[in-house]
Amino acid sequence: MPATHDPLPVLLMARELGPGGSERQLTEIAKRLDRNRFSPVVGYFRGGMRLDELMEAGVPTIHVDILSFKRPDVLSKTLQFRRFLQDQHVGIVHTFDYPLTCFAVPAARLFGVPVVLSSQRGHRDLIPPSYRQLIRLTDLLVDGIVVNCHAVQEDLISQEDVARRKIRLCYNGIDCDRFDFAMTSAMRNKFAPGSLTVGCVSVMRPEKNLHLLLSAVASLAPSLPELQVVLVGSGPEESRLRERARQLNMGDRCFFQRSEKDVAPWLQSIDIFVLPSSTEALSNSLMEAMASGCAVVASRVGGNPELVRDGETGVLFTSGDERDLADKIRLLARNGTLRSYLGHNAKKLIRQYFRLDQSVDRMAAIYEEFVSAKPDQACKLASGGTFLPNS
């Protein structure tokens, strides 16, 4: 029988509540955690599109107004943070990215929060060097590190000397029902009749290597003139990608769409989804494309092979190899039966193993595991009541 307890306050934190995958997963977890067991609050340095979503769902938020760790008001802001932790009886602090890990992990540990968790949701070579040593110090302070794929877990163990006992795996989860509908006629009309769309939905950062996708499709133009590129997203590479499309004379065959909250209609418009990243953990965009039934092509890096079983749920190519990528796109473009086969299997895989409810349940189990290991500290946090994990 479940034990009776007041919900435990849990503070989930990210630098910015924007369109990125980590911010999306944080938001979904905060919205869906069992309110009989947890009372989630989301902390952030900067707002963004997810802030309105959290407010609409009734999830409390706290703005930690720190613009730079070098500003003289950091100490006063940190003391305000301490008051919040103590006033709200926060039992768990869980950070989702490196700026909040560097700030909140030491603060939460110093101010007596019983359970302090960080996240590693990508490879550490993407973290600026000035932060990397601080992150390694937080590895010693946290009770646990939550990762989103086996590839990141093994990288932490082999490259960062993190003890395996500290690491917990929680795969990203997808709300599959959002990606299970027919494309509207309005979306079809955006593209030329008879075209075959090759595309990606992604934050446009250098490591996504979207220039490779443009070059590969351009090389196929003489033999496959029906190919059309769709790139949905925003980011620091956007202007360079637009210029690259012009250089490749793809202006009439390359469609750009800025970031949108609802990407499902765009995924439904893509026949072949390509994720050409040079480094990757577990890509939300790739999972959403698979949940939509796209035939997917992904680079053989990071967590991509945990999703894409080559020749079964998609195809893999050698990262950075334009010719290999072009060959894989050509293969799928010329074989509609294969595209349908891969898309069907991809959708089935996501629905079986990567549903959002599974991810939320797993995160809740991680929280309860760490709380139960510290009963003396956590037992009277929730409004003066008692928190005990379900038994």
Protein backbone atom coordinates (compact mmCIF):
# COMPACT_ATOMS: atom_id res chain seq x y z
CA MET A 1 0.00 0.00 0.00
CA PRO A 2 1.30 3.52 -0.70
CA ALA A 3 2.52 5.40 2.36
CA THR A 4 0.67 8.60 3.33
CA HIS A 5 2.75 11.74 2.96
CA ASP A 6 2.67 15.34 1.87
CA PRO A 7 4.12 16.03 -1.58
CA LEU A 8 7.86 16.61 -1.57
CA PRO A 9 8.97 19.96 -3.07
CA VAL A 10 11.28 19.33 -6.03
CA LEU A 11 13.14 22.15 -7.79
CA LEU A 12 14.02 21.47 -11.44
CA MET A 13 16.39 24.04 -12.95
CA ALA A 14 17.62 25.15 -16.38
CA ARG A 15 19.37 28.26 -17.64
CA GLU A 16 16.70 29.15 -20.18
CA LEU A 17 13.18 27.84 -20.78
CA GLY A 18 13.58 27.84 -24.55
CA PRO A 19 12.98 25.38 -27.42
CA GLY A 20 15.88 23.00 -26.71
CA GLY A 21 15.45 19.33 -25.93
CA SER A 22 16.57 19.53 -22.30
CA GLU A 23 14.18 22.40 -21.61
CA ARG A 24 11.38 20.42 -23.24
CA GLN A 25 12.04 17.35 -21.11
CA LEU A 26 12.27 19.43 -17.92
CA THR A 27 8.94 21.07 -18.75
CA GLU A 28 7.16 17.79 -19.45
CA ILE A 29 8.48 16.18 -16.27
CA ALA A 30 7.45 19.17 -14.16
CA LYS A 31 3.96 19.14 -15.69
CA ARG A 32 3.42 15.41 -15.25
CA LEU A 33 5.01 14.43 -11.93
CA ASP A 34 2.44 12.86 -9.60
CA ARG A 35 1.18 15.72 -7.40
CA ASN A 36 0.36 13.26 -4.62
CA ARG A 37 4.07 12.48 -4.36
CA PHE A 38 5.87 15.60 -5.57
CA SER A 39 5.35 19.36 -5.64
CA PRO A 40 7.47 20.55 -8.60
CA VAL A 41 8.86 24.06 -9.04
CA VAL A 42 10.95 25.18 -12.02
CA GLY A 43 13.87 27.57 -11.57
CA TYR A 44 15.59 29.46 -14.38
CA PHE A 45 18.02 32.27 -15.21
CA ARG A 46 16.18 33.40 -18.37
CA GLY A 47 12.63 32.84 -19.56
CA GLY A 48 11.44 31.57 -22.92
CA MET A 49 8.64 29.78 -24.72
CA ARG A 50 8.36 27.06 -22.06
CA LEU A 51 7.62 29.58 -19.30
CA ASP A 52 4.10 30.24 -20.59
CA GLU A 53 3.54 26.52 -20.95
CA LEU A 54 4.51 25.92 -17.33
CA MET A 55 2.30 28.75 -16.12
CA GLU A 56 -0.66 27.41 -18.10
CA ALA A 57 -0.11 24.01 -16.46
CA GLY A 58 -0.06 25.59 -12.99
CA VAL A 59 3.60 24.76 -12.29
CA PRO A 60 5.19 27.39 -10.00
CA THR A 61 8.42 28.98 -11.22
CA ILE A 62 11.23 30.97 -9.65
CA HIS A 63 13.38 33.41 -11.58
CA VAL A 64 16.95 33.30 -10.25
CA ASP A 65 18.00 36.66 -11.62
CA ILE A 66 21.69 36.03 -12.29
CA LEU A 67 23.03 37.42 -15.56
CA SER A 68 26.70 36.65 -14.90
CA PHE A 69 28.64 34.84 -12.19
CA LYS A 70 31.08 37.79 -12.23
CA ARG A 71 28.50 40.41 -11.25
CA PRO A 72 28.77 41.87 -7.71
CA ASP A 73 25.15 40.98 -6.90
CA VAL A 74 25.75 37.21 -7.18
CA LEU A 75 26.13 36.85 -3.41
CA SER A 76 22.86 38.63 -2.64
CA LYS A 77 21.05 36.57 -5.30
CA THR A 78 22.50 33.39 -3.83
CA LEU A 79 21.23 34.34 -0.38
CA GLN A 80 17.78 34.92 -1.88
CA PHE A 81 18.02 31.45 -3.37
CA ARG A 82 18.85 30.06 0.07
CA ARG A 83 15.75 31.69 1.55
CA PHE A 84 13.62 30.15 -1.15
CA LEU A 85 15.05 26.67 -0.53
CA GLN A 86 14.46 26.96 3.20
CA ASP A 87 11.04 28.62 3.03
CA GLN A 88 9.73 26.03 0.55
CA HIS A 89 11.37 23.06 2.34
CA VAL A 90 12.88 21.90 -0.96
CA GLY A 91 13.84 18.24 -0.71
CA ILE A 92 15.42 17.74 -4.15
CA VAL A 93 17.31 20.11 -6.43
CA HIS A 94 17.80 18.72 -9.93
CA THR A 95 19.71 20.74 -12.53
CA PHE A 96 19.36 20.08 -16.27
CA ASP A 97 22.26 22.01 -17.82
CA TYR A 98 25.79 23.14 -16.97
CA PRO A 99 25.19 26.82 -15.97
CA LEU A 100 22.60 25.81 -13.38
CA THR A 101 24.72 22.86 -12.29
CA CYS A 102 27.65 25.19 -11.61
CA PHE A 103 25.43 27.53 -9.60
CA ALA A 104 22.77 25.44 -7.90
CA VAL A 105 24.65 22.25 -7.01
CA PRO A 106 27.19 23.91 -4.68
CA ALA A 107 24.51 26.23 -3.28
CA ALA A 108 22.03 23.44 -2.62
CA ARG A 109 24.71 21.31 -0.99
CA LEU A 110 25.88 24.22 1.18
CA PHE A 111 22.34 25.13 2.22
CA GLY A 112 21.42 21.63 3.30
CA VAL A 113 19.10 20.35 0.56
CA PRO A 114 18.89 16.60 1.24
CA VAL A 115 19.11 15.35 -2.36
CA VAL A 116 21.11 17.16 -5.05
CA LEU A 117 21.12 15.81 -8.60
CA SER A 118 22.67 17.07 -11.83
CA SER A 119 22.13 15.99 -15.43
CA GLN A 120 24.43 15.14 -18.30
CA ARG A 121 22.37 15.35 -21.47
CA GLY A 122 25.13 15.69 -24.03
CA HIS A 123 28.85 15.10 -24.35
CA ARG A 124 31.05 17.33 -22.26
CA ASP A 125 33.19 18.49 -25.16
CA LEU A 126 30.28 20.86 -25.91
CA ILE A 127 30.68 22.58 -22.53
CA PRO A 128 32.90 25.71 -22.64
CA PRO A 129 36.34 24.99 -21.17
CA SER A 130 35.86 27.63 -18.46
CA TYR A 131 32.97 25.59 -17.05
CA ARG A 132 34.36 22.09 -17.48
CA GLN A 133 36.47 22.00 -14.34
CA LEU A 134 33.58 23.37 -12.30
CA ILE A 135 31.33 20.63 -13.65
CA ARG A 136 33.89 18.01 -12.62
CA LEU A 137 33.85 19.44 -9.10
CA THR A 138 30.07 19.16 -8.98
CA ASP A 139 30.40 15.46 -9.85
CA LEU A 140 31.86 15.08 -6.35
CA LEU A 141 29.09 17.10 -4.68
CA VAL A 142 25.97 15.55 -6.19
CA ASP A 143 24.18 12.48 -4.96
CA GLY A 144 23.58 11.38 -8.54
CA ILE A 145 23.86 12.32 -12.21
CA VAL A 146 20.92 11.63 -14.51
CA VAL A 147 21.83 10.76 -18.12
CA ASN A 148 19.52 10.27 -21.09
CA CYS A 149 21.34 7.49 -22.95
CA HIS A 150 23.90 4.73 -22.46
CA ALA A 151 26.44 6.52 -24.66
CA VAL A 152 26.62 9.50 -22.28
CA GLN A 153 26.77 7.16 -19.29
CA GLU A 154 29.75 5.27 -20.67
CA ASP A 155 31.46 8.52 -21.65
CA LEU A 156 31.16 9.83 -18.07
CA ILE A 157 32.65 6.63 -16.70
CA SER A 158 35.51 6.25 -19.19
CA GLN A 159 36.40 9.90 -19.86
CA GLU A 160 35.39 11.68 -16.65
CA ASP A 161 36.06 8.99 -14.02
CA VAL A 162 32.54 9.28 -12.61
CA ALA A 163 31.60 6.31 -10.45
CA ARG A 164 28.99 4.10 -12.11
CA ARG A 165 27.05 3.93 -8.84
CA LYS A 166 26.28 7.67 -9.14
CA ILE A 167 24.75 7.51 -12.61
CA ARG A 168 21.05 6.90 -13.32
CA LEU A 169 19.62 6.44 -16.82
CA CYS A 170 16.33 8.10 -17.71
CA TYR A 171 15.57 8.07 -21.42
CA ASN A 172 13.84 11.07 -22.94
CA GLY A 173 10.15 10.51 -23.49
CA ILE A 174 7.76 11.51 -26.28
CA ASP A 175 4.05 12.27 -26.13
CA CYS A 176 3.38 9.94 -29.04
CA ASP A 177 -0.26 10.95 -29.54
CA ARG A 178 0.87 14.43 -30.61
CA PHE A 179 2.63 12.92 -33.64
CA ASP A 180 -0.09 10.57 -34.81
CA PHE A 181 -2.29 12.41 -37.32
CA ALA A 182 -2.53 13.02 -41.04
CA MET A 183 -0.81 16.00 -42.66
CA THR A 184 -3.17 18.85 -43.49
CA SER A 185 -3.76 20.03 -47.05
CA ALA A 186 -2.37 23.44 -46.07
CA MET A 187 0.96 21.81 -45.19
CA ARG A 188 1.00 19.82 -48.44
CA ASN A 189 0.49 22.98 -50.45
CA LYS A 190 3.75 24.46 -49.17
CA PHE A 191 5.74 22.13 -51.44
CA ALA A 192 5.80 21.53 -55.17
CA PRO A 193 3.61 18.69 -56.50
CA GLY A 194 5.56 15.46 -56.74
CA SER A 195 8.34 16.66 -54.46
CA LEU A 196 10.05 14.41 -51.94
CA THR A 197 10.97 16.24 -48.76
CA VAL A 198 14.23 15.70 -46.92
CA GLY A 199 14.50 17.64 -43.69
CA CYS A 200 15.36 18.18 -40.09
CA VAL A 201 13.72 19.83 -37.09
CA SER A 202 16.46 21.07 -34.79
CA VAL A 203 18.03 23.98 -32.96
CA MET A 204 20.54 25.28 -35.49
CA ARG A 205 23.82 24.86 -33.65
CA PRO A 206 27.22 23.98 -35.19
CA GLU A 207 27.26 20.42 -33.80
CA LYS A 208 24.04 19.60 -35.69
CA ASN A 209 26.13 19.80 -38.89
CA LEU A 210 23.18 20.80 -41.07
CA HIS A 211 25.55 22.16 -43.73
CA LEU A 212 26.34 18.52 -44.53
CA LEU A 213 22.67 17.83 -45.23
CA LEU A 214 22.48 20.74 -47.68
CA SER A 215 25.63 19.63 -49.48
CA ALA A 216 24.49 16.00 -49.72
CA VAL A 217 21.09 16.93 -51.18
CA ALA A 218 22.71 19.39 -53.61
CA SER A 219 24.96 16.59 -54.89
CA LEU A 220 21.87 14.50 -55.63
CA ALA A 221 20.05 17.19 -57.61
CA PRO A 222 21.01 15.95 -61.10
CA SER A 223 19.63 12.44 -60.47
CA LEU A 224 16.87 13.32 -57.99
CA PRO A 225 15.51 16.75 -58.94
CA GLU A 226 12.33 16.10 -56.92
CA LEU A 227 14.21 16.39 -53.60
CA GLN A 228 13.25 19.41 -51.52
CA VAL A 229 14.86 20.40 -48.20
CA VAL A 230 12.88 21.51 -45.13
CA LEU A 231 14.78 22.94 -42.15
CA VAL A 232 12.70 23.86 -39.11
CA GLY A 233 14.41 25.65 -36.25
CA SER A 234 16.38 28.67 -35.15
CA GLY A 235 19.82 29.23 -33.72
CA PRO A 236 23.28 30.67 -34.32
CA GLU A 237 23.80 28.76 -37.59
CA GLU A 238 20.61 29.93 -39.27
CA SER A 239 22.06 32.79 -41.31
CA ARG A 240 25.04 30.69 -42.42
CA LEU A 241 22.72 27.86 -43.48
CA ARG A 242 20.60 30.23 -45.54
CA GLU A 243 23.74 31.57 -47.23
CA ARG A 244 24.99 28.03 -47.88
CA ALA A 245 21.68 27.15 -49.55
CA ARG A 246 22.10 30.18 -51.84
CA GLN A 247 25.67 29.17 -52.70
CA LEU A 248 24.44 25.71 -53.65
CA ASN A 249 21.70 27.19 -55.86
CA MET A 250 19.04 25.59 -53.69
CA GLY A 251 16.96 28.72 -53.16
CA ASP A 252 13.85 27.29 -54.82
CA ARG A 253 14.28 23.84 -53.24
CA CYS A 254 15.15 24.74 -49.62
CA PHE A 255 12.44 25.86 -47.20
CA PHE A 256 13.35 27.45 -43.85
CA GLN A 257 10.90 27.74 -40.95
CA ARG A 258 11.74 29.40 -37.64
CA SER A 259 11.27 27.47 -34.37
CA GLU A 260 7.71 26.58 -33.50
CA LYS A 261 6.19 25.16 -30.36
CA ASP A 262 4.21 22.58 -32.32
CA VAL A 263 6.51 20.79 -34.76
CA ALA A 264 4.24 17.80 -35.42
CA PRO A 265 2.73 19.17 -38.68
CA TRP A 266 6.22 19.84 -40.03
CA LEU A 267 7.40 16.35 -39.19
CA GLN A 268 4.36 14.98 -41.00
CA SER A 269 5.52 16.87 -44.10
CA ILE A 270 8.98 15.25 -44.12
CA ASP A 271 9.49 12.02 -46.08
CA ILE A 272 13.11 11.47 -45.06
CA PHE A 273 14.28 12.94 -41.76
CA VAL A 274 18.05 13.46 -41.51
CA LEU A 275 19.99 14.13 -38.31
CA PRO A 276 23.62 14.70 -39.38
CA SER A 277 25.01 15.70 -35.95
CA SER A 278 28.72 15.45 -35.26
CA THR A 279 27.89 14.74 -31.60
CA GLU A 280 24.60 13.74 -30.02
CA ALA A 281 23.11 12.27 -26.87
CA LEU A 282 19.47 11.19 -27.20
CA SER A 283 17.83 13.51 -29.69
CA ASN A 284 14.25 14.60 -29.01
CA SER A 285 13.95 15.66 -32.64
CA LEU A 286 14.97 12.23 -33.87
CA MET A 287 12.53 10.56 -31.48
CA GLU A 288 9.71 12.83 -32.61
CA ALA A 289 10.48 12.13 -36.27
CA MET A 290 10.35 8.40 -35.55
CA ALA A 291 7.10 8.79 -33.61
CA SER A 292 5.71 10.56 -36.69
CA GLY A 293 6.58 7.60 -38.90
CA CYS A 294 9.36 9.31 -40.84
CA ALA A 295 12.05 7.24 -42.47
CA VAL A 296 15.14 8.50 -40.62
CA VAL A 297 18.82 8.80 -41.46
CA ALA A 298 21.16 9.59 -38.56
CA SER A 299 24.88 9.87 -37.98
CA ARG A 300 26.45 6.96 -36.14
CA VAL A 301 27.32 8.95 -33.00
CA GLY A 302 26.28 9.10 -29.34
CA GLY A 303 22.81 7.82 -28.57
CA ASN A 304 21.62 7.73 -32.19
CA PRO A 305 22.30 3.97 -32.54
CA GLU A 306 20.20 3.38 -29.40
CA LEU A 307 17.24 4.65 -31.41
CA VAL A 308 18.16 3.83 -34.99
CA ARG A 309 18.66 0.11 -35.51
CA ASP A 310 20.38 0.19 -38.89
CA GLY A 311 18.10 -1.20 -41.58
CA GLU A 312 15.25 -1.81 -39.12
CA THR A 313 14.10 1.50 -37.58
CA GLY A 314 16.16 3.76 -39.84
CA VAL A 315 19.61 3.92 -41.42
CA LEU A 316 22.91 5.17 -40.04
CA PHE A 317 25.74 6.90 -41.87
CA THR A 318 29.33 7.73 -40.98
CA SER A 319 29.42 11.11 -39.26
CA GLY A 320 30.84 13.85 -41.48
CA ASP A 321 30.86 11.66 -44.62
CA GLU A 322 28.90 13.57 -47.27
CA ARG A 323 29.05 10.76 -49.80
CA ASP A 324 27.77 8.18 -47.33
CA LEU A 325 24.92 10.48 -46.33
CA ALA A 326 24.04 11.12 -49.99
CA ASP A 327 24.03 7.37 -50.66
CA LYS A 328 21.62 6.75 -47.77
CA ILE A 329 19.29 9.55 -48.89
CA ARG A 330 19.35 8.17 -52.45
CA LEU A 331 18.54 4.69 -51.18
CA LEU A 332 15.43 5.90 -49.34
CA ALA A 333 14.37 8.36 -52.03
CA ARG A 334 14.21 5.57 -54.61
CA ASN A 335 12.49 3.01 -52.38
CA GLY A 336 9.10 4.00 -51.02
CA THR A 337 8.51 0.49 -49.67
CA LEU A 338 11.67 0.72 -47.59
CA ARG A 339 10.66 4.16 -46.30
CA SER A 340 7.30 2.80 -45.18
CA TYR A 341 8.92 -0.23 -43.53
CA LEU A 342 11.43 1.86 -41.59
CA GLY A 343 8.83 4.45 -40.60
CA HIS A 344 6.43 1.79 -39.30
CA ASN A 345 9.16 0.13 -37.22
CA ALA A 346 10.40 3.50 -35.92
CA LYS A 347 6.94 4.49 -34.71
CA LYS A 348 6.50 1.10 -33.04
CA LEU A 349 9.86 1.37 -31.24
CA ILE A 350 9.14 4.83 -29.82
CA ARG A 351 5.68 3.83 -28.62
CA GLN A 352 7.04 0.73 -26.95
CA TYR A 353 10.12 2.09 -25.18
CA PHE A 354 10.25 5.90 -25.28
CA ARG A 355 6.85 7.18 -24.21
CA LEU A 356 6.65 10.27 -22.05
CA ASP A 357 4.78 8.52 -19.25
CA GLN A 358 7.60 5.97 -19.01
CA SER A 359 10.17 8.74 -18.74
CA VAL A 360 8.23 10.58 -16.03
CA ASP A 361 7.73 7.36 -14.04
CA ARG A 362 11.44 6.61 -14.29
CA MET A 363 12.40 10.09 -13.09
CA ALA A 364 9.99 9.78 -10.16
CA ALA A 365 11.57 6.45 -9.25
CA ILE A 366 15.03 8.06 -9.32
CA TYR A 367 13.87 10.84 -7.02
CA GLU A 368 12.31 8.41 -4.57
CA GLU A 369 15.39 6.19 -4.58
CA PHE A 370 17.66 9.03 -3.52
CA VAL A 371 15.18 10.37 -0.96
CA SER A 372 14.79 6.95 0.62
CA ALA A 373 18.57 6.75 1.04
CA LYS A 374 18.45 9.86 3.28
CA PRO A 375 15.42 9.35 5.52
CA ASP A 376 16.81 11.37 8.43
CA GLN A 377 17.24 14.48 6.28
CA ALA A 378 14.16 14.23 4.06
CA CYS A 379 11.49 12.91 6.35
CA LYS A 380 10.09 16.28 7.52
CA LEU A 381 10.52 18.56 4.55
CA ALA A 382 7.11 18.67 2.93
CA SER A 383 5.25 21.38 4.84
CA GLY A 384 6.39 19.97 8.11
CA GLY A 385 4.94 16.60 7.15
CA THR A 386 6.56 13.29 6.35
CA PHE A 387 7.74 12.12 2.96
CA LEU A 388 8.20 8.43 2.40
CA PRO A 389 8.54 6.76 -1.00
CA ASN A 390 5.77 4.49 -2.22
CA SER A 391 6.17 0.97 -0.96
